[in-house]
PDB file of N, CA and C in Angstrom:
ATOM      1  N   UNK A   1       0.853  -1.166   0.000  1.00  0.00           N
ATOM      2  CA  UNK A   1       0.000   0.000   0.000  1.00  0.00           C
ATOM      3  C   UNK A   1       0.903   1.235   0.000  1.00  0.00           C
ATOM      4  N   UNK A   2       0.571   2.170  -0.860  1.00  0.00           N
ATOM      5  CA  UNK A   2       1.400   3.366  -0.944  1.00  0.00           C
ATOM      6  C   UNK A   2       1.029   4.340   0.163  1.00  0.00           C
ATOM      7  N   UNK A   3       1.853   5.345   0.322  1.00  0.00           N
ATOM      8  CA  UNK A   3       1.625   6.341   1.376  1.00  0.00           C
ATOM      9  C   UNK A   3       0.351   7.130   1.092  1.00  0.00           C
ATOM     10  N   UNK A   4       0.135   7.424  -0.155  1.00  0.00           N
ATOM     11  CA  UNK A   4      -1.043   8.215  -0.513  1.00  0.00           C
ATOM     12  C   UNK A   4      -2.330   7.452  -0.185  1.00  0.00           C
ATOM     13  N   UNK A   5      -2.383   6.194  -0.550  1.00  0.00           N
ATOM     14  CA  UNK A   5      -3.580   5.398  -0.274  1.00  0.00           C
ATOM     15  C   UNK A   5      -3.791   5.201   1.221  1.00  0.00           C
ATOM     16  N   UNK A   6      -2.721   5.017   1.959  1.00  0.00           N
ATOM     17  CA  UNK A   6      -2.872   4.836   3.405  1.00  0.00           C
ATOM     18  C   UNK A   6      -3.359   6.124   4.065  1.00  0.00           C
ATOM     19  N   UNK A   7      -2.904   7.264   3.580  1.00  0.00           N
ATOM     20  CA  UNK A   7      -3.381   8.536   4.135  1.00  0.00           C
ATOM     21  C   UNK A   7      -4.875   8.692   3.892  1.00  0.00           C
ATOM     22  N   UNK A   8      -5.318   8.354   2.702  1.00  0.00           N
ATOM     23  CA  UNK A   8      -6.746   8.432   2.415  1.00  0.00           C
ATOM     24  C   UNK A   8      -7.543   7.492   3.313  1.00  0.00           C
ATOM     25  N   UNK A   9      -7.051   6.318   3.507  1.00  0.00           N
ATOM     26  CA  UNK A   9      -7.764   5.331   4.316  1.00  0.00           C
ATOM     27  C   UNK A   9      -7.894   5.796   5.759  1.00  0.00           C
ATOM     28  N   UNK A  10      -6.809   6.273   6.340  1.00  0.00           N
ATOM     29  CA  UNK A  10      -6.845   6.670   7.749  1.00  0.00           C
ATOM     30  C   UNK A  10      -7.538   8.018   7.963  1.00  0.00           C
ATOM     31  N   UNK A  11      -7.493   8.902   6.978  1.00  0.00           N
ATOM     32  CA  UNK A  11      -8.138  10.197   7.170  1.00  0.00           C
ATOM     33  C   UNK A  11      -9.654  10.066   7.124  1.00  0.00           C
ATOM     34  N   UNK A  12     -10.186   9.160   6.366  1.00  0.00           N
ATOM     35  CA  UNK A  12     -11.640   8.993   6.307  1.00  0.00           C
ATOM     36  C   UNK A  12     -12.146   8.035   7.367  1.00  0.00           C
ATOM     37  N   UNK A  13     -11.298   7.225   7.900  1.00  0.00           N
ATOM     38  CA  UNK A  13     -11.742   6.242   8.882  1.00  0.00           C
ATOM     39  C   UNK A  13     -11.815   6.822  10.285  1.00  0.00           C
ATOM     40  N   UNK A  14     -11.216   7.964  10.510  1.00  0.00           N
ATOM     41  CA  UNK A  14     -11.226   8.512  11.866  1.00  0.00           C
ATOM     42  C   UNK A  14     -12.624   8.975  12.234  1.00  0.00           C
ATOM     43  N   UNK A  15     -12.926   8.943  13.506  1.00  0.00           N
ATOM     44  CA  UNK A  15     -14.258   9.320  13.972  1.00  0.00           C
ATOM     45  C   UNK A  15     -14.340  10.808  14.307  1.00  0.00           C
ATOM     46  N   UNK A  16     -13.266  11.562  14.079  1.00  0.00           N
ATOM     47  CA  UNK A  16     -13.275  12.987  14.406  1.00  0.00           C
ATOM     48  C   UNK A  16     -13.846  13.846  13.276  1.00  0.00           C
ATOM     49  N   UNK A  17     -14.276  13.259  12.188  1.00  0.00           N
ATOM     50  CA  UNK A  17     -14.834  14.012  11.072  1.00  0.00           C
ATOM     51  C   UNK A  17     -16.189  14.559  11.487  1.00  0.00           C
ATOM     52  N   UNK A  18     -16.363  15.880  11.345  1.00  0.00           N
ATOM     53  CA  UNK A  18     -17.628  16.509  11.714  1.00  0.00           C
ATOM     54  C   UNK A  18     -18.638  16.310  10.603  1.00  0.00           C
ATOM     55  N   UNK A  19     -19.835  16.008  10.979  1.00  0.00           N
ATOM     56  CA  UNK A  19     -20.907  15.861  10.008  1.00  0.00           C
ATOM     57  C   UNK A  19     -21.975  16.884  10.338  1.00  0.00           C
ATOM     58  N   UNK A  20     -22.584  17.434   9.300  1.00  0.00           N
ATOM     59  CA  UNK A  20     -23.637  18.416   9.489  1.00  0.00           C
ATOM     60  C   UNK A  20     -24.920  17.721   9.933  1.00  0.00           C
ATOM     61  N   UNK A  21     -25.699  18.391  10.773  1.00  0.00           N
ATOM     62  CA  UNK A  21     -26.959  17.792  11.197  1.00  0.00           C
ATOM     63  C   UNK A  21     -27.945  17.736  10.032  1.00  0.00           C
ATOM     64  N   UNK A  22     -28.944  16.893  10.109  1.00  0.00           N
ATOM     65  CA  UNK A  22     -29.913  16.809   9.014  1.00  0.00           C
ATOM     66  C   UNK A  22     -30.684  18.124   8.872  1.00  0.00           C
ATOM     67  N   UNK A  23     -31.087  18.451   7.659  1.00  0.00           N
ATOM     68  CA  UNK A  23     -31.787  19.696   7.383  1.00  0.00           C
ATOM     69  C   UNK A  23     -30.865  20.796   6.901  1.00  0.00           C
ATOM     70  N   UNK A  24     -29.568  20.584   6.949  1.00  0.00           N
ATOM     71  CA  UNK A  24     -28.611  21.575   6.480  1.00  0.00           C
ATOM     72  C   UNK A  24     -28.233  21.286   5.035  1.00  0.00           C
ATOM     73  N   UNK A  25     -28.005  22.355   4.303  1.00  0.00           N
ATOM     74  CA  UNK A  25     -27.531  22.224   2.934  1.00  0.00           C
ATOM     75  C   UNK A  25     -26.024  22.035   2.992  1.00  0.00           C
ATOM     76  N   UNK A  26     -25.504  21.072   2.270  1.00  0.00           N
ATOM     77  CA  UNK A  26     -24.069  20.814   2.313  1.00  0.00           C
ATOM     78  C   UNK A  26     -23.273  21.946   1.659  1.00  0.00           C
ATOM     79  N   UNK A  27     -23.918  22.702   0.785  1.00  0.00           N
ATOM     80  CA  UNK A  27     -23.213  23.771   0.084  1.00  0.00           C
ATOM     81  C   UNK A  27     -23.063  25.021   0.933  1.00  0.00           C
ATOM     82  N   UNK A  28     -23.814  25.128   2.020  1.00  0.00           N
ATOM     83  CA  UNK A  28     -23.764  26.328   2.853  1.00  0.00           C
ATOM     84  C   UNK A  28     -23.845  25.931   4.316  1.00  0.00           C
ATOM     85  N   UNK A  29     -23.595  26.911   5.173  1.00  0.00           N
ATOM     86  CA  UNK A  29     -23.607  26.608   6.598  1.00  0.00           C
ATOM     87  C   UNK A  29     -24.924  26.996   7.249  1.00  0.00           C
ATOM     88  N   UNK A  30     -25.911  27.427   6.466  1.00  0.00           N
ATOM     89  CA  UNK A  30     -27.205  27.799   7.013  1.00  0.00           C
ATOM     90  C   UNK A  30     -28.251  26.788   6.569  1.00  0.00           C
ATOM     91  N   UNK A  31     -29.297  26.624   7.349  1.00  0.00           N
ATOM     92  CA  UNK A  31     -30.346  25.678   6.947  1.00  0.00           C
ATOM     93  C   UNK A  31     -31.162  26.221   5.768  1.00  0.00           C
ATOM     94  N   UNK A  32     -31.925  25.344   5.143  1.00  0.00           N
ATOM     95  CA  UNK A  32     -32.706  25.728   3.971  1.00  0.00           C
ATOM     96  C   UNK A  32     -33.765  26.765   4.321  1.00  0.00           C
ATOM     97  N   UNK A  33     -34.280  26.723   5.547  1.00  0.00           N
ATOM     98  CA  UNK A  33     -35.283  27.703   5.958  1.00  0.00           C
ATOM     99  C   UNK A  33     -34.696  29.118   5.922  1.00  0.00           C
ATOM    100  N   UNK A  34     -33.428  29.220   6.299  1.00  0.00           N
ATOM    101  CA  UNK A  34     -32.763  30.519   6.283  1.00  0.00           C
ATOM    102  C   UNK A  34     -32.679  31.061   4.852  1.00  0.00           C
ATOM    103  N   UNK A  35     -32.381  30.174   3.899  1.00  0.00           N
ATOM    104  CA  UNK A  35     -32.284  30.604   2.505  1.00  0.00           C
ATOM    105  C   UNK A  35     -33.619  31.145   2.008  1.00  0.00           C
ATOM    106  N   UNK A  36     -34.698  30.466   2.339  1.00  0.00           N
ATOM    107  CA  UNK A  36     -36.008  30.935   1.879  1.00  0.00           C
ATOM    108  C   UNK A  36     -36.381  32.252   2.563  1.00  0.00           C
ATOM    109  N   UNK A  37     -36.012  32.404   3.843  1.00  0.00           N
ATOM    110  CA  UNK A  37     -36.295  33.661   4.536  1.00  0.00           C
ATOM    111  C   UNK A  37     -35.502  34.816   3.917  1.00  0.00           C
ATOM    112  N   UNK A  38     -34.258  34.571   3.594  1.00  0.00           N
ATOM    113  CA  UNK A  38     -33.430  35.608   2.975  1.00  0.00           C
ATOM    114  C   UNK A  38     -33.954  35.974   1.589  1.00  0.00           C
ATOM    115  N   UNK A  39     -34.405  34.986   0.843  1.00  0.00           N
ATOM    116  CA  UNK A  39     -34.955  35.272  -0.483  1.00  0.00           C
ATOM    117  C   UNK A  39     -36.210  36.130  -0.365  1.00  0.00           C
ATOM    118  N   UNK A  40     -37.061  35.820   0.594  1.00  0.00           N
ATOM    119  CA  UNK A  40     -38.271  36.623   0.808  1.00  0.00           C
ATOM    120  C   UNK A  40     -37.910  38.045   1.235  1.00  0.00           C
ATOM    121  N   UNK A  41     -36.898  38.155   2.106  1.00  0.00           N
ATOM    122  CA  UNK A  41     -36.481  39.474   2.577  1.00  0.00           C
ATOM    123  C   UNK A  41     -35.988  40.343   1.416  1.00  0.00           C
ATOM    124  N   UNK A  42     -35.147  39.798   0.555  1.00  0.00           N
ATOM    125  CA  UNK A  42     -34.619  40.580  -0.556  1.00  0.00           C
ATOM    126  C   UNK A  42     -35.690  40.865  -1.599  1.00  0.00           C
ATOM    127  N   UNK A  43     -36.667  39.976  -1.700  1.00  0.00           N
ATOM    128  CA  UNK A  43     -37.788  40.249  -2.597  1.00  0.00           C
ATOM    129  C   UNK A  43     -38.577  41.448  -2.089  1.00  0.00           C
ATOM    130  N   UNK A  44     -38.783  41.521  -0.777  1.00  0.00           N
ATOM    131  CA  UNK A  44     -39.482  42.667  -0.180  1.00  0.00           C
ATOM    132  C   UNK A  44     -38.679  43.956  -0.371  1.00  0.00           C
ATOM    133  N   UNK A  45     -37.358  43.880  -0.142  1.00  0.00           N
ATOM    134  CA  UNK A  45     -36.511  45.057  -0.342  1.00  0.00           C
ATOM    135  C   UNK A  45     -36.596  45.554  -1.787  1.00  0.00           C
ATOM    136  N   UNK A  46     -36.523  44.636  -2.725  1.00  0.00           N
ATOM    137  CA  UNK A  46     -36.579  45.013  -4.140  1.00  0.00           C
ATOM    138  C   UNK A  46     -37.920  45.638  -4.485  1.00  0.00           C
ATOM    139  N   UNK A  47     -38.995  45.062  -3.973  1.00  0.00           N
ATOM    140  CA  UNK A  47     -40.325  45.598  -4.237  1.00  0.00           C
ATOM    141  C   UNK A  47     -40.473  46.991  -3.622  1.00  0.00           C
ATOM    142  N   UNK A  48     -40.002  47.154  -2.389  1.00  0.00           N
ATOM    143  CA  UNK A  48     -40.098  48.458  -1.730  1.00  0.00           C
ATOM    144  C   UNK A  48     -39.267  49.502  -2.483  1.00  0.00           C
ATOM    145  N   UNK A  49     -38.071  49.132  -2.892  1.00  0.00           N
ATOM    146  CA  UNK A  49     -37.220  50.057  -3.640  1.00  0.00           C
ATOM    147  C   UNK A  49     -37.873  50.434  -4.963  1.00  0.00           C
ATOM    148  N   UNK A  50     -38.444  49.462  -5.654  1.00  0.00           N
ATOM    149  CA  UNK A  50     -39.121  49.739  -6.918  1.00  0.00           C
ATOM    150  C   UNK A  50     -40.306  50.663  -6.734  1.00  0.00           C
ATOM    151  N   UNK A  51     -41.063  50.472  -5.657  1.00  0.00           N
ATOM    152  CA  UNK A  51     -42.207  51.341  -5.394  1.00  0.00           C
ATOM    153  C   UNK A  51     -41.759  52.770  -5.074  1.00  0.00           C
ATOM    154  N   UNK A  52     -40.675  52.894  -4.325  1.00  0.00           N
ATOM    155  CA  UNK A  52     -40.157  54.231  -4.002  1.00  0.00           C
ATOM    156  C   UNK A  52     -39.692  54.937  -5.275  1.00  0.00           C
ATOM    157  N   UNK A  53     -38.971  54.238  -6.116  1.00  0.00           N
ATOM    158  CA  UNK A  53     -38.489  54.838  -7.366  1.00  0.00           C
ATOM    159  C   UNK A  53     -39.666  55.218  -8.263  1.00  0.00           C
ATOM    160  N   UNK A  54     -40.672  54.353  -8.352  1.00  0.00           N
ATOM    161  CA  UNK A  54     -41.847  54.666  -9.168  1.00  0.00           C
ATOM    162  C   UNK A  54     -42.596  55.872  -8.592  1.00  0.00           C
ATOM    163  N   UNK A  55     -42.671  55.969  -7.267  1.00  0.00           N
ATOM    164  CA  UNK A  55     -43.339  57.111  -6.641  1.00  0.00           C
ATOM    165  C   UNK A  55     -42.613  58.413  -6.900  1.00  0.00           C
ATOM    166  N   UNK A  56     -41.299  58.393  -6.778  1.00  0.00           N
ATOM    167  CA  UNK A  56     -40.512  59.604  -7.043  1.00  0.00           C
ATOM    168  C   UNK A  56     -40.646  60.006  -8.511  1.00  0.00           C
ATOM    169  N   UNK A  57     -40.626  59.028  -9.403  1.00  0.00           N
ATOM    170  CA  UNK A  57     -40.780  59.338 -10.826  1.00  0.00           C
ATOM    171  C   UNK A  57     -42.165  59.909 -11.112  1.00  0.00           C
ATOM    172  N   UNK A  58     -43.193  59.348 -10.479  1.00  0.00           N
ATOM    173  CA  UNK A  58     -44.554  59.855 -10.686  1.00  0.00           C
ATOM    174  C   UNK A  58     -44.702  61.265 -10.117  1.00  0.00           C
ATOM    175  N   UNK A  59     -43.972  61.578  -9.073  1.00  0.00           N
ATOM    176  CA  UNK A  59     -44.027  62.913  -8.479  1.00  0.00           C
ATOM    177  C   UNK A  59     -43.282  63.935  -9.336  1.00  0.00           C
ATOM    178  N   UNK A  60     -42.126  63.551  -9.871  1.00  0.00           N
ATOM    179  CA  UNK A  60     -41.292  64.497 -10.607  1.00  0.00           C
ATOM    180  C   UNK A  60     -41.700  64.664 -12.066  1.00  0.00           C
ATOM    181  N   UNK A  61     -42.336  63.679 -12.658  1.00  0.00           N
ATOM    182  CA  UNK A  61     -42.658  63.743 -14.084  1.00  0.00           C
ATOM    183  C   UNK A  61     -43.572  64.916 -14.435  1.00  0.00           C
ATOM    184  N   UNK A  62     -44.668  65.144 -13.709  1.00  0.00           N
ATOM    185  CA  UNK A  62     -45.512  66.303 -14.060  1.00  0.00           C
ATOM    186  C   UNK A  62     -44.793  67.643 -13.884  1.00  0.00           C
ATOM    187  N   UNK A  63     -43.918  67.722 -12.884  1.00  0.00           N
ATOM    188  CA  UNK A  63     -43.173  68.967 -12.689  1.00  0.00           C
ATOM    189  C   UNK A  63     -42.212  69.219 -13.846  1.00  0.00           C
ATOM    190  N   UNK A  64     -41.639  68.160 -14.360  1.00  0.00           N
ATOM    191  CA  UNK A  64     -40.745  68.318 -15.503  1.00  0.00           C
ATOM    192  C   UNK A  64     -41.528  68.725 -16.747  1.00  0.00           C
ATOM    193  N   UNK A  65     -42.746  68.234 -16.886  1.00  0.00           N
ATOM    194  CA  UNK A  65     -43.551  68.604 -18.049  1.00  0.00           C
ATOM    195  C   UNK A  65     -43.953  70.071 -18.012  1.00  0.00           C
ATOM    196  N   UNK A  66     -44.131  70.629 -16.814  1.00  0.00           N
ATOM    197  CA  UNK A  66     -44.482  72.043 -16.706  1.00  0.00           C
ATOM    198  C   UNK A  66     -43.376  72.933 -17.263  1.00  0.00           C
ATOM    199  N   UNK A  67     -42.147  72.546 -17.047  1.00  0.00           N
ATOM    200  CA  UNK A  67     -41.012  73.363 -17.464  1.00  0.00           C
ATOM    201  C   UNK A  67     -40.475  72.971 -18.835  1.00  0.00           C
ATOM    202  N   UNK A  68     -41.124  72.000 -19.448  1.00  0.00           N
ATOM    203  CA  UNK A  68     -40.650  71.539 -20.752  1.00  0.00           C
ATOM    204  C   UNK A  68     -41.015  72.552 -21.824  1.00  0.00           C
ATOM    205  N   UNK A  69     -40.033  72.950 -22.599  1.00  0.00           N
ATOM    206  CA  UNK A  69     -40.264  73.901 -23.674  1.00  0.00           C
ATOM    207  C   UNK A  69     -40.266  73.156 -25.004  1.00  0.00           C
ATOM    208  N   UNK A  70     -41.249  73.445 -25.806  1.00  0.00           N
ATOM    209  CA  UNK A  70     -41.314  72.840 -27.127  1.00  0.00           C
ATOM    210  C   UNK A  70     -40.348  73.593 -28.030  1.00  0.00           C
ATOM    211  N   UNK A  71     -39.528  72.856 -28.717  1.00  0.00           N
ATOM    212  CA  UNK A  71     -38.531  73.477 -29.587  1.00  0.00           C
ATOM    213  C   UNK A  71     -39.208  73.958 -30.863  1.00  0.00           C
ATOM    214  N   UNK A  72     -39.109  75.237 -31.110  1.00  0.00           N
ATOM    215  CA  UNK A  72     -39.614  75.833 -32.343  1.00  0.00           C
ATOM    216  C   UNK A  72     -38.401  76.366 -33.092  1.00  0.00           C
ATOM    217  N   UNK A  73     -38.145  75.831 -34.268  1.00  0.00           N
ATOM    218  CA  UNK A  73     -36.964  76.303 -34.988  1.00  0.00           C
ATOM    219  C   UNK A  73     -37.122  77.765 -35.387  1.00  0.00           C
ATOM    220  N   UNK A  74     -36.052  78.526 -35.331  1.00  0.00           N
ATOM    221  CA  UNK A  74     -36.145  79.946 -35.695  1.00  0.00           C
ATOM    222  C   UNK A  74     -36.444  80.103 -37.187  1.00  0.00           C
ATOM    223  N   UNK A  75     -37.193  81.121 -37.487  1.00  0.00           N
ATOM    224  CA  UNK A  75     -37.530  81.385 -38.881  1.00  0.00           C
ATOM    225  C   UNK A  75     -36.519  82.375 -39.455  1.00  0.00           C
ATOM    226  N   UNK A  76     -35.891  81.959 -40.515  1.00  0.00           N
ATOM    227  CA  UNK A  76     -34.923  82.811 -41.184  1.00  0.00           C
ATOM    228  C   UNK A  76     -35.572  83.379 -42.445  1.00  0.00           C
ATOM    229  N   UNK A  77     -35.340  84.653 -42.743  1.00  0.00           N
ATOM    230  CA  UNK A  77     -36.006  85.242 -43.918  1.00  0.00           C
ATOM    231  C   UNK A  77     -35.494  84.699 -45.247  1.00  0.00           C
ATOM    232  N   UNK A  78     -34.316  84.124 -45.258  1.00  0.00           N
ATOM    233  CA  UNK A  78     -33.752  83.692 -46.529  1.00  0.00           C
ATOM    234  C   UNK A  78     -34.100  82.249 -46.872  1.00  0.00           C
ATOM    235  N   UNK A  79     -34.814  81.546 -46.021  1.00  0.00           N
ATOM    236  CA  UNK A  79     -35.120  80.149 -46.303  1.00  0.00           C
ATOM    237  C   UNK A  79     -36.115  80.029 -47.458  1.00  0.00           C
ATOM    238  N   UNK A  80     -37.048  80.965 -47.575  1.00  0.00           N
ATOM    239  CA  UNK A  80     -38.072  80.874 -48.610  1.00  0.00           C
ATOM    240  C   UNK A  80     -37.577  81.303 -49.991  1.00  0.00           C
ATOM    241  N   UNK A  81     -36.434  81.906 -50.061  1.00  0.00           N
ATOM    242  CA  UNK A  81     -35.919  82.356 -51.351  1.00  0.00           C
ATOM    243  C   UNK A  81     -35.446  81.167 -52.175  1.00  0.00           C
ATOM    244  N   UNK A  82     -35.628  81.260 -53.455  1.00  0.00           N
ATOM    245  CA  UNK A  82     -35.157  80.203 -54.341  1.00  0.00           C
ATOM    246  C   UNK A  82     -33.647  80.329 -54.498  1.00  0.00           C
ATOM    247  N   UNK A  83     -33.021  79.199 -54.627  1.00  0.00           N
ATOM    248  CA  UNK A  83     -31.584  79.200 -54.855  1.00  0.00           C
ATOM    249  C   UNK A  83     -31.367  79.444 -56.338  1.00  0.00           C
ATOM    250  N   UNK A  84     -30.690  80.500 -56.639  1.00  0.00           N
ATOM    251  CA  UNK A  84     -30.447  80.846 -58.036  1.00  0.00           C
ATOM    252  C   UNK A  84     -29.197  80.134 -58.521  1.00  0.00           C
ATOM    253  N   UNK A  85     -29.255  79.780 -59.772  1.00  0.00           N
ATOM    254  CA  UNK A  85     -28.072  79.158 -60.349  1.00  0.00           C
ATOM    255  C   UNK A  85     -27.031  80.241 -60.588  1.00  0.00           C
ATOM    256  N   UNK A  86     -25.798  79.948 -60.259  1.00  0.00           N
ATOM    257  CA  UNK A  86     -24.777  80.976 -60.464  1.00  0.00           C
ATOM    258  C   UNK A  86     -24.544  81.220 -61.955  1.00  0.00           C
ATOM    259  N   UNK A  87     -24.263  82.450 -62.295  1.00  0.00           N
ATOM    260  CA  UNK A  87     -23.968  82.811 -63.680  1.00  0.00           C
ATOM    261  C   UNK A  87     -22.453  82.975 -63.812  1.00  0.00           C
ATOM    262  N   UNK A  88     -21.887  82.033 -64.523  1.00  0.00           N
ATOM    263  CA  UNK A  88     -20.451  82.096 -64.748  1.00  0.00           C
ATOM    264  C   UNK A  88     -20.201  82.642 -66.150  1.00  0.00           C
ATOM    265  N   UNK A  89     -19.072  83.290 -66.361  1.00  0.00           N
ATOM    266  CA  UNK A  89     -18.768  83.797 -67.704  1.00  0.00           C
ATOM    267  C   UNK A  89     -18.655  82.680 -68.732  1.00  0.00           C
ATOM    268  N   UNK A  90     -18.316  81.497 -68.316  1.00  0.00           N
ATOM    269  CA  UNK A  90     -18.133  80.383 -69.249  1.00  0.00           C
ATOM    270  C   UNK A  90     -19.383  79.513 -69.355  1.00  0.00           C
ATOM    271  N   UNK A  91     -20.484  79.907 -68.681  1.00  0.00           N
ATOM    272  CA  UNK A  91     -21.734  79.149 -68.752  1.00  0.00           C
ATOM    273  C   UNK A  91     -21.869  78.202 -67.570  1.00  0.00           C
ATOM    274  N   UNK A  92     -22.785  77.290 -67.680  1.00  0.00           N
ATOM    275  CA  UNK A  92     -23.021  76.343 -66.590  1.00  0.00           C
ATOM    276  C   UNK A  92     -22.139  75.110 -66.683  1.00  0.00           C
ATOM    277  N   UNK A  93     -21.261  75.081 -67.640  1.00  0.00           N
ATOM    278  CA  UNK A  93     -20.366  73.943 -67.811  1.00  0.00           C
ATOM    279  C   UNK A  93     -19.174  74.078 -66.875  1.00  0.00           C
ATOM    280  N   UNK A  94     -18.488  72.967 -66.606  1.00  0.00           N
ATOM    281  CA  UNK A  94     -17.291  73.058 -65.782  1.00  0.00           C
ATOM    282  C   UNK A  94     -16.218  73.900 -66.468  1.00  0.00           C
ATOM    283  N   UNK A  95     -15.423  74.563 -65.674  1.00  0.00           N
ATOM    284  CA  UNK A  95     -14.378  75.423 -66.218  1.00  0.00           C
ATOM    285  C   UNK A  95     -13.261  74.594 -66.833  1.00  0.00           C
ATOM    286  N   UNK A  96     -12.912  73.508 -66.179  1.00  0.00           N
ATOM    287  CA  UNK A  96     -11.806  72.685 -66.660  1.00  0.00           C
ATOM    288  C   UNK A  96     -12.399  71.447 -67.313  1.00  0.00           C
ATOM    289  N   UNK A  97     -12.001  71.190 -68.515  1.00  0.00           N
ATOM    290  CA  UNK A  97     -12.471  70.021 -69.245  1.00  0.00           C
ATOM    291  C   UNK A  97     -11.751  69.928 -70.565  1.00  0.00           C
ATOM    292  N   UNK A  98     -11.788  68.762 -71.156  1.00  0.00           N
ATOM    293  CA  UNK A  98     -11.124  68.572 -72.441  1.00  0.00           C
ATOM    294  C   UNK A  98     -12.028  69.060 -73.560  1.00  0.00           C
ATOM    295  N   UNK A  99     -11.479  69.372 -74.695  1.00  0.00           N
ATOM    296  CA  UNK A  99     -12.324  69.776 -75.836  1.00  0.00           C
ATOM    297  C   UNK A  99     -13.317  68.684 -76.213  1.00  0.00           C
ATOM    298  N   UNK A 100     -12.933  67.430 -76.029  1.00  0.00           N
ATOM    299  CA  UNK A 100     -13.833  66.321 -76.335  1.00  0.00           C
ATOM    300  C   UNK A 100     -15.081  66.407 -75.455  1.00  0.00           C
ATOM    301  N   UNK A 101     -14.903  66.713 -74.160  1.00  0.00           N
ATOM    302  CA  UNK A 101     -16.050  66.839 -73.257  1.00  0.00           C
ATOM    303  C   UNK A 101     -16.956  67.979 -73.692  1.00  0.00           C
ATOM    304  N   UNK A 102     -16.375  69.073 -74.147  1.00  0.00           N
ATOM    305  CA  UNK A 102     -17.184  70.218 -74.565  1.00  0.00           C
ATOM    306  C   UNK A 102     -17.999  69.887 -75.814  1.00  0.00           C
ATOM    307  N   UNK A 103     -17.387  69.183 -76.749  1.00  0.00           N
ATOM    308  CA  UNK A 103     -18.088  68.802 -77.975  1.00  0.00           C
ATOM    309  C   UNK A 103     -19.211  67.829 -77.646  1.00  0.00           C
ATOM    310  N   UNK A 104     -18.940  66.889 -76.807  1.00  0.00           N
ATOM    311  CA  UNK A 104     -19.945  65.893 -76.440  1.00  0.00           C
ATOM    312  C   UNK A 104     -21.129  66.555 -75.750  1.00  0.00           C
ATOM    313  N   UNK A 105     -20.879  67.501 -74.865  1.00  0.00           N
ATOM    314  CA  UNK A 105     -21.966  68.200 -74.179  1.00  0.00           C
ATOM    315  C   UNK A 105     -22.790  69.026 -75.156  1.00  0.00           C
ATOM    316  N   UNK A 106     -22.122  69.649 -76.106  1.00  0.00           N
ATOM    317  CA  UNK A 106     -22.869  70.462 -77.073  1.00  0.00           C
ATOM    318  C   UNK A 106     -23.711  69.579 -77.989  1.00  0.00           C
ATOM    319  N   UNK A 107     -23.271  68.349 -78.267  1.00  0.00           N
ATOM    320  CA  UNK A 107     -24.057  67.427 -79.083  1.00  0.00           C
ATOM    321  C   UNK A 107     -25.290  66.936 -78.326  1.00  0.00           C
ATOM    322  N   UNK A 108     -25.176  66.802 -77.008  1.00  0.00           N
ATOM    323  CA  UNK A 108     -26.312  66.339 -76.216  1.00  0.00           C
ATOM    324  C   UNK A 108     -27.402  67.390 -76.159  1.00  0.00           C
ATOM    325  N   UNK A 109     -27.032  68.650 -76.190  1.00  0.00           N
ATOM    326  CA  UNK A 109     -28.027  69.730 -76.123  1.00  0.00           C
ATOM    327  C   UNK A 109     -28.735  69.788 -77.419  1.00  0.00           C
TER     328      UNK A 109
END
């Protein structure tokens, strides 16, 4: 028998190993009743907090609406004017272009 196996055998065979009483969850040191009580407590806290936040929002929302200003865009006098096409000395054609482009444009007209 190796040392490792003998250590396992004697460590589990001793009577000094503490065992949890029945009704306890092995994953935690509190009984299951405690877990359900804590869950109920935090559910109440969450509900109370949600109600407080909803109450504050319901109280502040109408006050914010009183001070809310509707955005009206400013009216500029030049918006209604038509945009005029610029008059260039060389016409509405681009200033820089090849003679081929000029001939082609004149044929399209």
